Full PDB file with SEQRES, HELIX, SHEET, SSBOND, CRYST1, ORIGX, SCALE, CONECT and MASTER records, all heavy atoms in Angstrom:
SEQRES   1 A   39  VAL ASP LEU SER GLY MET SER ILE VAL ASP LEU VAL SER          
SEQRES   2 A   39  PRO VAL PRO VAL GLY ILE ALA LEU GLY LEU LEU LEU GLY          
SEQRES   3 A   39  LYS PRO LEU GLY VAL LEU LEU PHE SER PHE ILE ALA VAL          
HELIX    1 AA1 ILE A    8  LEU A   11  1                                   4    
HELIX    2 AA2 PRO A   14  LEU A   21  1                                   8    
HELIX    3 AA3 GLY A   22  GLY A   26  3                                   5    
HELIX    4 AA4 LYS A   27  ALA A   38  1                                  12    
CRYST1    1.000    1.000    1.000  90.00  90.00  90.00 P 1           1          
ORIGX1      1.000000  0.000000  0.000000        0.00000                         
ORIGX2      0.000000  1.000000  0.000000        0.00000                         
ORIGX3      0.000000  0.000000  1.000000        0.00000                         
SCALE1      1.000000  0.000000  0.000000        0.00000                         
SCALE2      0.000000  1.000000  0.000000        0.00000                         
SCALE3      0.000000  0.000000  1.000000        0.00000                         
ATOM      1  N   VAL A   1     -43.537  38.462  19.596  1.00  0.00           N  
ATOM      2  CA  VAL A   1     -42.089  38.190  19.643  1.00  0.00           C  
ATOM      3  C   VAL A   1     -41.748  37.489  20.950  1.00  0.00           C  
ATOM      4  O   VAL A   1     -42.007  38.016  22.040  1.00  0.00           O  
ATOM      5  CB  VAL A   1     -41.283  39.502  19.539  1.00  0.00           C  
ATOM      6  CG1 VAL A   1     -39.790  39.198  19.556  1.00  0.00           C  
ATOM      7  CG2 VAL A   1     -41.670  40.260  18.275  1.00  0.00           C  
ATOM      8  N   ASP A   2     -41.173  36.301  20.845  1.00  0.00           N  
ATOM      9  CA  ASP A   2     -40.761  35.535  22.026  1.00  0.00           C  
ATOM     10  C   ASP A   2     -39.415  36.068  22.517  1.00  0.00           C  
ATOM     11  O   ASP A   2     -38.389  35.911  21.850  1.00  0.00           O  
ATOM     12  CB  ASP A   2     -40.649  34.058  21.662  1.00  0.00           C  
ATOM     13  CG  ASP A   2     -40.343  33.181  22.877  1.00  0.00           C  
ATOM     14  OD1 ASP A   2     -40.170  33.744  23.980  1.00  0.00           O  
ATOM     15  OD2 ASP A   2     -40.289  31.951  22.726  1.00  0.00           O  
ATOM     16  N   LEU A   3     -39.405  36.709  23.669  1.00  0.00           N  
ATOM     17  CA  LEU A   3     -38.192  37.336  24.198  1.00  0.00           C  
ATOM     18  C   LEU A   3     -37.369  36.404  25.073  1.00  0.00           C  
ATOM     19  O   LEU A   3     -36.254  36.762  25.497  1.00  0.00           O  
ATOM     20  CB  LEU A   3     -38.566  38.586  25.016  1.00  0.00           C  
ATOM     21  CG  LEU A   3     -39.365  39.667  24.283  1.00  0.00           C  
ATOM     22  CD1 LEU A   3     -39.749  40.774  25.257  1.00  0.00           C  
ATOM     23  CD2 LEU A   3     -38.570  40.226  23.119  1.00  0.00           C  
ATOM     24  N   SER A   4     -37.895  35.204  25.346  1.00  0.00           N  
ATOM     25  CA  SER A   4     -37.252  34.327  26.334  1.00  0.00           C  
ATOM     26  C   SER A   4     -35.844  33.914  25.937  1.00  0.00           C  
ATOM     27  O   SER A   4     -34.972  33.780  26.794  1.00  0.00           O  
ATOM     28  CB  SER A   4     -38.121  33.082  26.559  1.00  0.00           C  
ATOM     29  OG  SER A   4     -38.279  32.351  25.343  1.00  0.00           O  
ATOM     30  N   GLY A   5     -35.596  33.700  24.651  1.00  0.00           N  
ATOM     31  CA  GLY A   5     -34.279  33.236  24.244  1.00  0.00           C  
ATOM     32  C   GLY A   5     -33.356  34.339  23.780  1.00  0.00           C  
ATOM     33  O   GLY A   5     -32.274  34.068  23.257  1.00  0.00           O  
ATOM     34  N   MET A   6     -33.759  35.591  23.960  1.00  0.00           N  
ATOM     35  CA  MET A   6     -32.958  36.701  23.459  1.00  0.00           C  
ATOM     36  C   MET A   6     -32.019  37.241  24.525  1.00  0.00           C  
ATOM     37  O   MET A   6     -32.348  37.294  25.704  1.00  0.00           O  
ATOM     38  CB  MET A   6     -33.867  37.830  22.962  1.00  0.00           C  
ATOM     39  CG  MET A   6     -34.638  37.498  21.703  1.00  0.00           C  
ATOM     40  SD  MET A   6     -35.445  38.971  21.024  1.00  0.00           S  
ATOM     41  CE  MET A   6     -36.411  38.202  19.705  1.00  0.00           C  
ATOM     42  N   SER A   7     -30.861  37.686  24.046  1.00  0.00           N  
ATOM     43  CA  SER A   7     -29.878  38.309  24.930  1.00  0.00           C  
ATOM     44  C   SER A   7     -29.650  39.749  24.478  1.00  0.00           C  
ATOM     45  O   SER A   7     -30.180  40.186  23.457  1.00  0.00           O  
ATOM     46  CB  SER A   7     -28.550  37.541  24.866  1.00  0.00           C  
ATOM     47  OG  SER A   7     -28.004  37.620  23.551  1.00  0.00           O  
ATOM     48  N   ILE A   8     -28.846  40.480  25.243  1.00  0.00           N  
ATOM     49  CA  ILE A   8     -28.511  41.857  24.862  1.00  0.00           C  
ATOM     50  C   ILE A   8     -27.832  41.885  23.500  1.00  0.00           C  
ATOM     51  O   ILE A   8     -28.046  42.797  22.693  1.00  0.00           O  
ATOM     52  CB  ILE A   8     -27.587  42.499  25.930  1.00  0.00           C  
ATOM     53  CG1 ILE A   8     -28.335  42.610  27.259  1.00  0.00           C  
ATOM     54  CG2 ILE A   8     -27.118  43.868  25.464  1.00  0.00           C  
ATOM     55  CD1 ILE A   8     -29.547  43.514  27.202  1.00  0.00           C  
ATOM     56  N   VAL A   9     -27.036  40.866  23.224  1.00  0.00           N  
ATOM     57  CA  VAL A   9     -26.344  40.788  21.930  1.00  0.00           C  
ATOM     58  C   VAL A   9     -27.351  40.749  20.794  1.00  0.00           C  
ATOM     59  O   VAL A   9     -27.168  41.397  19.752  1.00  0.00           O  
ATOM     60  CB  VAL A   9     -25.427  39.550  21.887  1.00  0.00           C  
ATOM     61  CG1 VAL A   9     -24.810  39.389  20.503  1.00  0.00           C  
ATOM     62  CG2 VAL A   9     -24.338  39.660  22.949  1.00  0.00           C  
ATOM     63  N   ASP A  10     -28.432  39.982  20.988  1.00  0.00           N  
ATOM     64  CA  ASP A  10     -29.467  39.911  19.953  1.00  0.00           C  
ATOM     65  C   ASP A  10     -30.137  41.274  19.752  1.00  0.00           C  
ATOM     66  O   ASP A  10     -30.429  41.680  18.627  1.00  0.00           O  
ATOM     67  CB  ASP A  10     -30.543  38.886  20.342  1.00  0.00           C  
ATOM     68  CG  ASP A  10     -30.002  37.474  20.381  1.00  0.00           C  
ATOM     69  OD1 ASP A  10     -29.243  37.115  19.463  1.00  0.00           O  
ATOM     70  OD2 ASP A  10     -30.335  36.728  21.325  1.00  0.00           O  
ATOM     71  N   LEU A  11     -30.378  41.975  20.861  1.00  0.00           N  
ATOM     72  CA  LEU A  11     -31.101  43.244  20.794  1.00  0.00           C  
ATOM     73  C   LEU A  11     -30.295  44.334  20.098  1.00  0.00           C  
ATOM     74  O   LEU A  11     -30.873  45.256  19.515  1.00  0.00           O  
ATOM     75  CB  LEU A  11     -31.484  43.707  22.207  1.00  0.00           C  
ATOM     76  CG  LEU A  11     -32.371  42.746  23.016  1.00  0.00           C  
ATOM     77  CD1 LEU A  11     -32.699  43.343  24.371  1.00  0.00           C  
ATOM     78  CD2 LEU A  11     -33.660  42.431  22.259  1.00  0.00           C  
ATOM     79  N   VAL A  12     -28.969  44.250  20.173  1.00  0.00           N  
ATOM     80  CA  VAL A  12     -28.126  45.278  19.540  1.00  0.00           C  
ATOM     81  C   VAL A  12     -27.438  44.745  18.285  1.00  0.00           C  
ATOM     82  O   VAL A  12     -26.454  45.318  17.819  1.00  0.00           O  
ATOM     83  CB  VAL A  12     -27.072  45.808  20.540  1.00  0.00           C  
ATOM     84  CG1 VAL A  12     -27.747  46.500  21.710  1.00  0.00           C  
ATOM     85  CG2 VAL A  12     -26.147  44.688  21.025  1.00  0.00           C  
ATOM     86  N   SER A  13     -27.964  43.662  17.725  1.00  0.00           N  
ATOM     87  CA  SER A  13     -27.409  43.098  16.494  1.00  0.00           C  
ATOM     88  C   SER A  13     -27.804  43.975  15.295  1.00  0.00           C  
ATOM     89  O   SER A  13     -28.711  44.808  15.399  1.00  0.00           O  
ATOM     90  CB  SER A  13     -27.892  41.658  16.301  1.00  0.00           C  
ATOM     91  OG  SER A  13     -29.300  41.621  16.166  1.00  0.00           O  
ATOM     92  N   PRO A  14     -27.150  43.811  14.161  1.00  0.00           N  
ATOM     93  CA  PRO A  14     -27.368  44.701  13.008  1.00  0.00           C  
ATOM     94  C   PRO A  14     -28.812  44.782  12.520  1.00  0.00           C  
ATOM     95  O   PRO A  14     -29.259  45.854  12.109  1.00  0.00           O  
ATOM     96  CB  PRO A  14     -26.457  44.100  11.937  1.00  0.00           C  
ATOM     97  CG  PRO A  14     -25.355  43.445  12.695  1.00  0.00           C  
ATOM     98  CD  PRO A  14     -26.009  42.885  13.917  1.00  0.00           C  
ATOM     99  N   VAL A  15     -29.554  43.670  12.560  1.00  0.00           N  
ATOM    100  CA  VAL A  15     -30.915  43.686  12.011  1.00  0.00           C  
ATOM    101  C   VAL A  15     -31.846  44.601  12.813  1.00  0.00           C  
ATOM    102  O   VAL A  15     -32.433  45.542  12.254  1.00  0.00           O  
ATOM    103  CB  VAL A  15     -31.488  42.256  11.902  1.00  0.00           C  
ATOM    104  CG1 VAL A  15     -32.992  42.315  11.574  1.00  0.00           C  
ATOM    105  CG2 VAL A  15     -30.767  41.476  10.819  1.00  0.00           C  
ATOM    106  N   PRO A  16     -32.027  44.372  14.141  1.00  0.00           N  
ATOM    107  CA  PRO A  16     -32.934  45.264  14.866  1.00  0.00           C  
ATOM    108  C   PRO A  16     -32.450  46.704  14.960  1.00  0.00           C  
ATOM    109  O   PRO A  16     -33.247  47.637  14.902  1.00  0.00           O  
ATOM    110  CB  PRO A  16     -33.044  44.614  16.251  1.00  0.00           C  
ATOM    111  CG  PRO A  16     -31.819  43.793  16.388  1.00  0.00           C  
ATOM    112  CD  PRO A  16     -31.497  43.306  15.012  1.00  0.00           C  
ATOM    113  N   VAL A  17     -31.139  46.895  15.086  1.00  0.00           N  
ATOM    114  CA  VAL A  17     -30.598  48.254  15.164  1.00  0.00           C  
ATOM    115  C   VAL A  17     -30.797  48.977  13.833  1.00  0.00           C  
ATOM    116  O   VAL A  17     -31.203  50.147  13.793  1.00  0.00           O  
ATOM    117  CB  VAL A  17     -29.106  48.230  15.551  1.00  0.00           C  
ATOM    118  CG1 VAL A  17     -28.494  49.620  15.411  1.00  0.00           C  
ATOM    119  CG2 VAL A  17     -28.934  47.732  16.975  1.00  0.00           C  
ATOM    120  N   GLY A  18     -30.520  48.290  12.724  1.00  0.00           N  
ATOM    121  CA  GLY A  18     -30.704  48.897  11.399  1.00  0.00           C  
ATOM    122  C   GLY A  18     -32.150  49.276  11.149  1.00  0.00           C  
ATOM    123  O   GLY A  18     -32.441  50.342  10.595  1.00  0.00           O  
ATOM    124  N   ILE A  19     -33.079  48.398  11.566  1.00  0.00           N  
ATOM    125  CA  ILE A  19     -34.507  48.684  11.376  1.00  0.00           C  
ATOM    126  C   ILE A  19     -34.943  49.844  12.259  1.00  0.00           C  
ATOM    127  O   ILE A  19     -35.594  50.796  11.794  1.00  0.00           O  
ATOM    128  CB  ILE A  19     -35.347  47.437  11.680  1.00  0.00           C  
ATOM    129  CG1 ILE A  19     -35.097  46.356  10.625  1.00  0.00           C  
ATOM    130  CG2 ILE A  19     -36.839  47.790  11.722  1.00  0.00           C  
ATOM    131  CD1 ILE A  19     -35.748  45.021  10.946  1.00  0.00           C  
ATOM    132  N   ALA A  20     -34.591  49.783  13.557  1.00  0.00           N  
ATOM    133  CA  ALA A  20     -35.020  50.821  14.502  1.00  0.00           C  
ATOM    134  C   ALA A  20     -34.475  52.191  14.111  1.00  0.00           C  
ATOM    135  O   ALA A  20     -35.218  53.184  14.099  1.00  0.00           O  
ATOM    136  CB  ALA A  20     -34.580  50.447  15.919  1.00  0.00           C  
ATOM    137  N   LEU A  21     -33.194  52.264  13.771  1.00  0.00           N  
ATOM    138  CA  LEU A  21     -32.607  53.548  13.382  1.00  0.00           C  
ATOM    139  C   LEU A  21     -33.098  53.993  12.005  1.00  0.00           C  
ATOM    140  O   LEU A  21     -33.221  55.195  11.747  1.00  0.00           O  
ATOM    141  CB  LEU A  21     -31.077  53.461  13.397  1.00  0.00           C  
ATOM    142  CG  LEU A  21     -30.434  53.309  14.771  1.00  0.00           C  
ATOM    143  CD1 LEU A  21     -28.917  53.273  14.650  1.00  0.00           C  
ATOM    144  CD2 LEU A  21     -30.860  54.440  15.700  1.00  0.00           C  
ATOM    145  N   GLY A  22     -33.374  53.028  11.142  1.00  0.00           N  
ATOM    146  CA  GLY A  22     -33.938  53.378   9.837  1.00  0.00           C  
ATOM    147  C   GLY A  22     -35.277  54.079   9.987  1.00  0.00           C  
ATOM    148  O   GLY A  22     -35.556  55.081   9.315  1.00  0.00           O  
ATOM    149  N   LEU A  23     -36.111  53.567  10.896  1.00  0.00           N  
ATOM    150  CA  LEU A  23     -37.418  54.173  11.147  1.00  0.00           C  
ATOM    151  C   LEU A  23     -37.290  55.485  11.914  1.00  0.00           C  
ATOM    152  O   LEU A  23     -37.898  56.494  11.552  1.00  0.00           O  
ATOM    153  CB  LEU A  23     -38.305  53.200  11.942  1.00  0.00           C  
ATOM    154  CG  LEU A  23     -38.783  51.950  11.195  1.00  0.00           C  
ATOM    155  CD1 LEU A  23     -39.431  50.967  12.170  1.00  0.00           C  
ATOM    156  CD2 LEU A  23     -39.765  52.311  10.087  1.00  0.00           C  
ATOM    157  N   LEU A  24     -36.496  55.476  12.985  1.00  0.00           N  
ATOM    158  CA  LEU A  24     -36.419  56.622  13.883  1.00  0.00           C  
ATOM    159  C   LEU A  24     -35.621  57.790  13.292  1.00  0.00           C  
ATOM    160  O   LEU A  24     -35.970  58.958  13.504  1.00  0.00           O  
ATOM    161  CB  LEU A  24     -35.800  56.190  15.214  1.00  0.00           C  
ATOM    162  CG  LEU A  24     -35.715  57.241  16.318  1.00  0.00           C  
ATOM    163  CD1 LEU A  24     -37.096  57.766  16.674  1.00  0.00           C  
ATOM    164  CD2 LEU A  24     -35.034  56.659  17.548  1.00  0.00           C  
ATOM    165  N   LEU A  25     -34.536  57.498  12.557  1.00  0.00           N  
ATOM    166  CA  LEU A  25     -33.692  58.555  12.001  1.00  0.00           C  
ATOM    167  C   LEU A  25     -33.827  58.679  10.481  1.00  0.00           C  
ATOM    168  O   LEU A  25     -33.914  59.787   9.949  1.00  0.00           O  
ATOM    169  CB  LEU A  25     -32.220  58.289  12.351  1.00  0.00           C  
ATOM    170  CG  LEU A  25     -31.864  58.285  13.840  1.00  0.00           C  
ATOM    171  CD1 LEU A  25     -30.371  58.009  14.017  1.00  0.00           C  
ATOM    172  CD2 LEU A  25     -32.231  59.605  14.490  1.00  0.00           C  
ATOM    173  N   GLY A  26     -33.829  57.528   9.807  1.00  0.00           N  
ATOM    174  CA  GLY A  26     -33.863  57.550   8.345  1.00  0.00           C  
ATOM    175  C   GLY A  26     -35.129  58.181   7.776  1.00  0.00           C  
ATOM    176  O   GLY A  26     -35.074  58.988   6.840  1.00  0.00           O  
ATOM    177  N   LYS A  27     -36.271  57.824   8.352  1.00  0.00           N  
ATOM    178  CA  LYS A  27     -37.540  58.358   7.866  1.00  0.00           C  
ATOM    179  C   LYS A  27     -37.597  59.882   7.936  1.00  0.00           C  
ATOM    180  O   LYS A  27     -37.826  60.548   6.928  1.00  0.00           O  
ATOM    181  CB  LYS A  27     -38.705  57.736   8.635  1.00  0.00           C  
ATOM    182  CG  LYS A  27     -39.258  56.461   8.020  1.00  0.00           C  
ATOM    183  CD  LYS A  27     -39.995  56.760   6.723  1.00  0.00           C  
ATOM    184  CE  LYS A  27     -40.609  55.513   6.133  1.00  0.00           C  
ATOM    185  NZ  LYS A  27     -41.324  55.793   4.877  1.00  0.00           N  
ATOM    186  N   PRO A  28     -37.418  60.486   9.138  1.00  0.00           N  
ATOM    187  CA  PRO A  28     -37.494  61.948   9.197  1.00  0.00           C  
ATOM    188  C   PRO A  28     -36.415  62.648   8.382  1.00  0.00           C  
ATOM    189  O   PRO A  28     -36.680  63.682   7.754  1.00  0.00           O  
ATOM    190  CB  PRO A  28     -37.362  62.260  10.696  1.00  0.00           C  
ATOM    191  CG  PRO A  28     -36.788  61.033  11.314  1.00  0.00           C  
ATOM    192  CD  PRO A  28     -37.256  59.887  10.476  1.00  0.00           C  
ATOM    193  N   LEU A  29     -35.200  62.095   8.358  1.00  0.00           N  
ATOM    194  CA  LEU A  29     -34.133  62.710   7.569  1.00  0.00           C  
ATOM    195  C   LEU A  29     -34.484  62.725   6.078  1.00  0.00           C  
ATOM    196  O   LEU A  29     -34.329  63.739   5.404  1.00  0.00           O  
ATOM    197  CB  LEU A  29     -32.808  61.963   7.790  1.00  0.00           C  
ATOM    198  CG  LEU A  29     -32.086  62.225   9.116  1.00  0.00           C  
ATOM    199  CD1 LEU A  29     -30.865  61.317   9.241  1.00  0.00           C  
ATOM    200  CD2 LEU A  29     -31.680  63.690   9.222  1.00  0.00           C  
ATOM    201  N   GLY A  30     -34.958  61.587   5.592  1.00  0.00           N  
ATOM    202  CA  GLY A  30     -35.316  61.498   4.183  1.00  0.00           C  
ATOM    203  C   GLY A  30     -36.485  62.388   3.823  1.00  0.00           C  
ATOM    204  O   GLY A  30     -36.461  63.099   2.805  1.00  0.00           O  
ATOM    205  N   VAL A  31     -37.529  62.370   4.653  1.00  0.00           N  
ATOM    206  CA  VAL A  31     -38.718  63.189   4.400  1.00  0.00           C  
ATOM    207  C   VAL A  31     -38.356  64.666   4.405  1.00  0.00           C  
ATOM    208  O   VAL A  31     -38.733  65.425   3.496  1.00  0.00           O  
ATOM    209  CB  VAL A  31     -39.814  62.895   5.450  1.00  0.00           C  
ATOM    210  CG1 VAL A  31     -40.933  63.940   5.368  1.00  0.00           C  
ATOM    211  CG2 VAL A  31     -40.386  61.502   5.240  1.00  0.00           C  
ATOM    212  N   LEU A  32     -37.609  65.101   5.419  1.00  0.00           N  
ATOM    213  CA  LEU A  32     -37.269  66.523   5.543  1.00  0.00           C  
ATOM    214  C   LEU A  32     -36.310  66.985   4.451  1.00  0.00           C  
ATOM    215  O   LEU A  32     -36.508  68.053   3.855  1.00  0.00           O  
ATOM    216  CB  LEU A  32     -36.660  66.791   6.914  1.00  0.00           C  
ATOM    217  CG  LEU A  32     -37.642  66.845   8.083  1.00  0.00           C  
ATOM    218  CD1 LEU A  32     -36.900  66.923   9.412  1.00  0.00           C  
ATOM    219  CD2 LEU A  32     -38.582  68.038   7.941  1.00  0.00           C  
ATOM    220  N   LEU A  33     -35.272  66.198   4.182  1.00  0.00           N  
ATOM    221  CA  LEU A  33     -34.272  66.616   3.190  1.00  0.00           C  
ATOM    222  C   LEU A  33     -34.885  66.718   1.797  1.00  0.00           C  
ATOM    223  O   LEU A  33     -34.702  67.719   1.090  1.00  0.00           O  
ATOM    224  CB  LEU A  33     -33.093  65.648   3.184  1.00  0.00           C  
ATOM    225  CG  LEU A  33     -31.969  65.988   2.190  1.00  0.00           C  
ATOM    226  CD1 LEU A  33     -31.389  67.358   2.505  1.00  0.00           C  
ATOM    227  CD2 LEU A  33     -30.874  64.924   2.225  1.00  0.00           C  
ATOM    228  N   PHE A  34     -35.631  65.696   1.382  1.00  0.00           N  
ATOM    229  CA  PHE A  34     -36.227  65.722   0.048  1.00  0.00           C  
ATOM    230  C   PHE A  34     -37.310  66.797  -0.052  1.00  0.00           C  
ATOM    231  O   PHE A  34     -37.474  67.421  -1.109  1.00  0.00           O  
ATOM    232  CB  PHE A  34     -36.792  64.344  -0.309  1.00  0.00           C  
ATOM    233  CG  PHE A  34     -35.789  63.443  -0.973  1.00  0.00           C  
ATOM    234  CD1 PHE A  34     -34.575  63.175  -0.368  1.00  0.00           C  
ATOM    235  CD2 PHE A  34     -36.061  62.848  -2.193  1.00  0.00           C  
ATOM    236  CE1 PHE A  34     -33.642  62.338  -0.969  1.00  0.00           C  
ATOM    237  CE2 PHE A  34     -35.129  62.023  -2.810  1.00  0.00           C  
ATOM    238  CZ  PHE A  34     -33.919  61.768  -2.194  1.00  0.00           C  
ATOM    239  N   SER A  35     -38.053  67.025   1.033  1.00  0.00           N  
ATOM    240  CA  SER A  35     -39.056  68.089   1.034  1.00  0.00           C  
ATOM    241  C   SER A  35     -38.378  69.448   0.910  1.00  0.00           C  
ATOM    242  O   SER A  35     -38.828  70.313   0.139  1.00  0.00           O  
ATOM    243  CB  SER A  35     -39.881  68.045   2.323  1.00  0.00           C  
ATOM    244  OG  SER A  35     -40.613  66.855   2.420  1.00  0.00           O  
ATOM    245  N   PHE A  36     -37.297  69.649   1.659  1.00  0.00           N  
ATOM    246  CA  PHE A  36     -36.561  70.916   1.643  1.00  0.00           C  
ATOM    247  C   PHE A  36     -36.000  71.201   0.243  1.00  0.00           C  
ATOM    248  O   PHE A  36     -36.112  72.323  -0.268  1.00  0.00           O  
ATOM    249  CB  PHE A  36     -35.433  70.881   2.675  1.00  0.00           C  
ATOM    250  CG  PHE A  36     -34.642  72.141   2.769  1.00  0.00           C  
ATOM    251  CD1 PHE A  36     -35.146  73.229   3.463  1.00  0.00           C  
ATOM    252  CD2 PHE A  36     -33.404  72.251   2.163  1.00  0.00           C  
ATOM    253  CE1 PHE A  36     -34.420  74.421   3.550  1.00  0.00           C  
ATOM    254  CE2 PHE A  36     -32.665  73.429   2.240  1.00  0.00           C  
ATOM    255  CZ  PHE A  36     -33.170  74.521   2.933  1.00  0.00           C  
ATOM    256  N   ILE A  37     -35.396  70.181  -0.355  1.00  0.00           N  
ATOM    257  CA  ILE A  37     -34.834  70.343  -1.698  1.00  0.00           C  
ATOM    258  C   ILE A  37     -35.940  70.688  -2.701  1.00  0.00           C  
ATOM    259  O   ILE A  37     -35.781  71.583  -3.549  1.00  0.00           O  
ATOM    260  CB  ILE A  37     -34.096  69.061  -2.133  1.00  0.00           C  
ATOM    261  CG1 ILE A  37     -32.839  68.860  -1.279  1.00  0.00           C  
ATOM    262  CG2 ILE A  37     -33.725  69.126  -3.614  1.00  0.00           C  
ATOM    263  CD1 ILE A  37     -32.138  67.538  -1.519  1.00  0.00           C  
ATOM    264  N   ALA A  38     -37.081  69.999  -2.612  1.00  0.00           N  
ATOM    265  CA  ALA A  38     -38.184  70.246  -3.540  1.00  0.00           C  
ATOM    266  C   ALA A  38     -38.720  71.667  -3.406  1.00  0.00           C  
ATOM    267  O   ALA A  38     -39.019  72.332  -4.407  1.00  0.00           O  
ATOM    268  CB  ALA A  38     -39.312  69.239  -3.287  1.00  0.00           C  
ATOM    269  N   VAL A  39     -38.834  72.155  -2.168  1.00  0.00           N  
ATOM    270  CA  VAL A  39     -39.326  73.520  -1.945  1.00  0.00           C  
ATOM    271  C   VAL A  39     -38.302  74.552  -2.441  1.00  0.00           C  
ATOM    272  O   VAL A  39     -38.658  75.537  -3.095  1.00  0.00           O  
ATOM    273  CB  VAL A  39     -39.654  73.741  -0.456  1.00  0.00           C  
ATOM    274  CG1 VAL A  39     -39.939  75.214  -0.176  1.00  0.00           C  
ATOM    275  CG2 VAL A  39     -40.849  72.890  -0.051  1.00  0.00           C  
TER     276      VAL A  39                                                      
MASTER        0    0    0    4    0    0    0    6  275    1    0    3          
END                                                                             
């Protein structure tokens, strides 16, 4: 990833934020909730 042309605005734009939070929060929430319901 070429960081030279990126600004703070790019880093907090919807695409990277949606992906990062999807992985960091969405994954564990989904895994735990569906596992809990199944049990």
